[in-house]
């Protein structure tokens, strides 16, 4: 990654610390589903440019997301990764890793809308998901989809992960609204 002045494009709006306490997680359990209200902190920082094969230049924003259940204050989701902006092709990528031995590379678009400053939308199918043999056999991620809407210092996201678990396909969803600190 280089230290030069970086054009993060629409991802520049993510940089900062965000907090939200309006989260809802709908997750599978053996009897059907469980709902967990949560709060979280997401931290985004510029990471500079990455150049691939001397041809593709990506502006990268590194992030960390820590999610805690309201009921017991326990961390139940921890995620790290990068959002990347390919200026030439007007494309965004999100790489994410969770400590369940699952990694996802989603790709999509960034847009500017009359109702928001930035709208990011990414998707990943099974070919963009890498997971351990245990997860493949017991809780296989089939797809991932996320939409992020940024308006000034407010971020809203909605994501859906299709999971094959407990002998059925389940739509695991998370939504929250966060506010930028400072």
Protein backbone atom coordinates (compact mmCIF):
# COMPACT_ATOMS: atom_id res chain seq x y z
CA UNK A 1 0.00 0.00 0.00
CA UNK A 2 1.33 3.44 -0.84
CA UNK A 3 1.35 6.61 1.23
CA UNK A 4 0.41 9.04 -1.58
CA UNK A 5 -2.80 11.08 -1.53
CA UNK A 6 -5.54 8.55 -2.16
CA UNK A 7 -8.84 9.03 -3.97
CA UNK A 8 -11.14 6.70 -2.04
CA UNK A 9 -14.10 7.67 -4.21
CA UNK A 10 -17.40 6.84 -2.50
CA UNK A 11 -15.57 4.82 0.18
CA UNK A 12 -14.13 8.03 1.65
CA UNK A 13 -17.54 8.55 3.28
CA UNK A 14 -16.97 5.42 5.40
CA UNK A 15 -13.77 6.59 7.09
CA UNK A 16 -14.26 7.16 10.82
CA UNK A 17 -15.73 5.46 13.86
CA UNK A 18 -19.41 4.53 13.76
CA UNK A 19 -21.66 3.37 16.61
CA UNK A 20 -25.20 2.05 16.53
CA UNK A 21 -27.56 0.48 19.05
CA UNK A 22 -30.56 -0.34 16.86
CA UNK A 23 -29.29 -3.63 15.41
CA UNK A 24 -31.40 -6.71 14.81
CA UNK A 25 -29.85 -10.09 14.06
CA UNK A 26 -32.12 -12.89 12.86
CA UNK A 27 -30.10 -16.11 13.02
CA UNK A 28 -30.84 -19.80 12.66
CA UNK A 29 -31.12 -22.14 15.63
CA UNK A 30 -32.12 -25.81 15.74
CA UNK A 31 -35.79 -24.97 16.47
CA UNK A 32 -36.11 -22.30 13.78
CA UNK A 33 -34.72 -18.83 14.40
CA UNK A 34 -33.53 -16.53 17.15
CA UNK A 35 -33.60 -12.75 17.21
CA UNK A 36 -30.87 -10.77 18.93
CA UNK A 37 -31.02 -7.01 19.44
CA UNK A 38 -27.46 -5.66 19.34
CA UNK A 39 -25.19 -2.66 19.38
CA UNK A 40 -21.90 -2.30 17.57
CA UNK A 41 -18.87 -0.25 16.71
CA UNK A 42 -17.40 -0.13 13.22
CA UNK A 43 -14.05 1.52 12.58
CA UNK A 44 -12.91 2.40 9.04
CA UNK A 45 -9.49 3.77 8.13
CA UNK A 46 -7.83 4.57 4.85
CA UNK A 47 -5.23 1.96 3.87
CA UNK A 48 -3.90 3.50 0.63
CA UNK A 49 -3.62 2.05 -2.85
CA UNK A 50 -3.01 -1.55 -3.84
CA UNK A 51 -1.90 -2.37 -7.39
CA UNK A 52 -2.71 -5.73 -8.94
CA UNK A 53 -0.52 -7.10 -11.77
CA UNK A 54 0.64 -3.53 -12.50
CA UNK A 55 -2.75 -2.88 -14.14
CA UNK A 56 -5.52 -2.55 -11.57
CA UNK A 57 -5.35 0.12 -8.87
CA UNK A 58 -7.62 -0.21 -5.86
CA UNK A 59 -8.13 2.33 -3.07
CA UNK A 60 -8.54 0.30 0.12
CA UNK A 61 -10.38 1.13 3.34
CA UNK A 62 -9.68 -1.28 6.22
CA UNK A 63 -12.43 -1.95 8.76
CA UNK A 64 -13.24 -3.75 11.97
CA UNK A 65 -16.75 -4.48 13.21
CA UNK A 66 -17.52 -5.61 16.77
CA UNK A 67 -21.10 -6.58 17.57
CA UNK A 68 -22.46 -7.15 21.12
CA UNK A 69 -25.77 -8.63 22.22
CA UNK A 70 -27.85 -6.21 24.26
CA UNK A 71 -29.07 -9.00 26.53
CA UNK A 72 -25.66 -9.95 27.97
CA UNK A 73 -23.09 -7.55 26.44
CA UNK A 74 -21.26 -10.53 24.89
CA UNK A 75 -19.46 -10.14 21.56
CA UNK A 76 -21.24 -12.47 19.16
CA UNK A 77 -19.85 -11.19 15.88
CA UNK A 78 -16.37 -9.89 15.08
CA UNK A 79 -15.46 -9.08 11.49
CA UNK A 80 -12.47 -7.56 9.74
CA UNK A 81 -11.82 -6.75 6.14
CA UNK A 82 -11.48 -4.18 3.42
CA UNK A 83 -13.72 -2.17 1.18
CA UNK A 84 -11.96 -1.42 -2.13
CA UNK A 85 -12.72 1.07 -4.90
CA UNK A 86 -11.71 0.45 -8.52
CA UNK A 87 -11.99 3.94 -10.03
CA UNK A 88 -11.40 2.85 -13.62
CA UNK A 89 -14.19 0.25 -13.59
CA UNK A 90 -16.44 2.09 -11.11
CA UNK A 91 -16.71 -1.04 -8.98
CA UNK A 92 -16.57 -1.73 -5.23
CA UNK A 93 -15.37 -4.86 -3.48
CA UNK A 94 -15.75 -5.98 0.10
CA UNK A 95 -13.52 -8.66 1.54
CA UNK A 96 -14.52 -9.90 4.96
CA UNK A 97 -13.35 -12.49 7.43
CA UNK A 98 -15.09 -13.80 10.51
CA UNK A 99 -13.42 -16.02 13.11
CA UNK A 100 -15.59 -19.00 12.22
CA UNK A 101 -13.16 -19.87 9.38
CA UNK A 102 -15.26 -18.08 6.74
CA UNK A 103 -14.07 -15.49 4.20
CA UNK A 104 -16.15 -13.69 1.57
CA UNK A 105 -15.25 -11.51 -1.41
CA UNK A 106 -18.30 -9.56 -2.57
CA UNK A 107 -18.43 -7.14 -5.48
CA UNK A 108 -20.88 -4.57 -6.69
CA UNK A 109 -21.58 -0.91 -7.28
CA UNK A 110 -21.47 2.47 -5.66
CA UNK A 111 -24.02 5.12 -6.54
CA UNK A 112 -25.01 8.60 -5.51
CA UNK A 113 -28.72 8.98 -4.93
CA UNK A 114 -31.03 11.92 -4.30
CA UNK A 115 -32.02 10.42 -0.94
CA UNK A 116 -28.52 9.58 0.28
CA UNK A 117 -24.92 10.61 -0.23
CA UNK A 118 -23.63 7.13 -1.11
CA UNK A 119 -25.26 3.77 -1.74
CA UNK A 120 -22.98 0.71 -1.74
CA UNK A 121 -24.34 -2.64 -2.83
CA UNK A 122 -22.33 -5.89 -2.97
CA UNK A 123 -23.10 -9.56 -3.50
CA UNK A 124 -21.21 -12.85 -3.38
CA UNK A 125 -22.23 -16.28 -4.55
CA UNK A 126 -20.81 -19.62 -3.42
CA UNK A 127 -17.74 -19.25 -5.64
CA UNK A 128 -16.70 -16.11 -3.68
CA UNK A 129 -16.95 -17.81 -0.29
CA UNK A 130 -14.05 -19.73 1.28
CA UNK A 131 -14.77 -21.74 4.40
CA UNK A 132 -13.27 -24.53 6.44
CA UNK A 133 -14.30 -28.15 5.81
CA UNK A 134 -16.23 -28.10 9.11
CA UNK A 135 -18.27 -25.07 8.03
CA UNK A 136 -18.84 -26.53 4.57
CA UNK A 137 -20.25 -29.68 6.17
CA UNK A 138 -22.22 -28.05 9.02
CA UNK A 139 -23.08 -24.40 8.34
CA UNK A 140 -22.27 -23.68 4.71
CA UNK A 141 -22.51 -20.08 3.51
CA UNK A 142 -24.27 -20.11 0.14
CA UNK A 143 -24.38 -16.38 -0.63
CA UNK A 144 -23.95 -12.92 0.87
CA UNK A 145 -25.62 -9.61 0.00
CA UNK A 146 -25.18 -6.21 1.69
CA UNK A 147 -26.46 -2.71 1.06
CA UNK A 148 -24.97 0.30 2.85
CA UNK A 149 -26.62 3.72 2.71
CA UNK A 150 -24.67 6.77 3.92
CA UNK A 151 -26.31 10.15 4.48
CA UNK A 152 -24.01 12.70 6.07
CA UNK A 153 -23.03 11.12 9.42
CA UNK A 154 -25.65 8.33 9.42
CA UNK A 155 -25.05 4.85 8.03
CA UNK A 156 -27.69 2.18 7.56
CA UNK A 157 -26.90 -1.33 6.41
CA UNK A 158 -28.88 -4.45 5.67
CA UNK A 159 -27.25 -7.77 4.92
CA UNK A 160 -28.45 -11.25 4.15
CA UNK A 161 -26.35 -14.38 4.34
CA UNK A 162 -27.91 -17.57 3.01
CA UNK A 163 -26.73 -20.46 5.18
CA UNK A 164 -27.33 -24.20 4.85
CA UNK A 165 -27.54 -25.25 8.51
CA UNK A 166 -29.53 -27.71 10.64
CA UNK A 167 -30.66 -29.48 7.46
CA UNK A 168 -32.30 -26.41 5.90
CA UNK A 169 -31.43 -23.23 4.02
CA UNK A 170 -31.85 -20.18 6.24
CA UNK A 171 -31.85 -16.44 5.47
CA UNK A 172 -29.63 -14.95 8.22
CA UNK A 173 -30.19 -11.17 8.33
CA UNK A 174 -28.60 -8.23 10.11
CA UNK A 175 -29.65 -4.57 10.01
CA UNK A 176 -28.52 -1.52 11.93
CA UNK A 177 -28.31 2.26 11.82
CA UNK A 178 -25.07 3.84 13.04
CA UNK A 179 -23.88 7.40 13.65
CA UNK A 180 -20.37 8.66 13.00
CA UNK A 181 -18.58 9.78 16.15
CA UNK A 182 -16.86 13.14 16.36
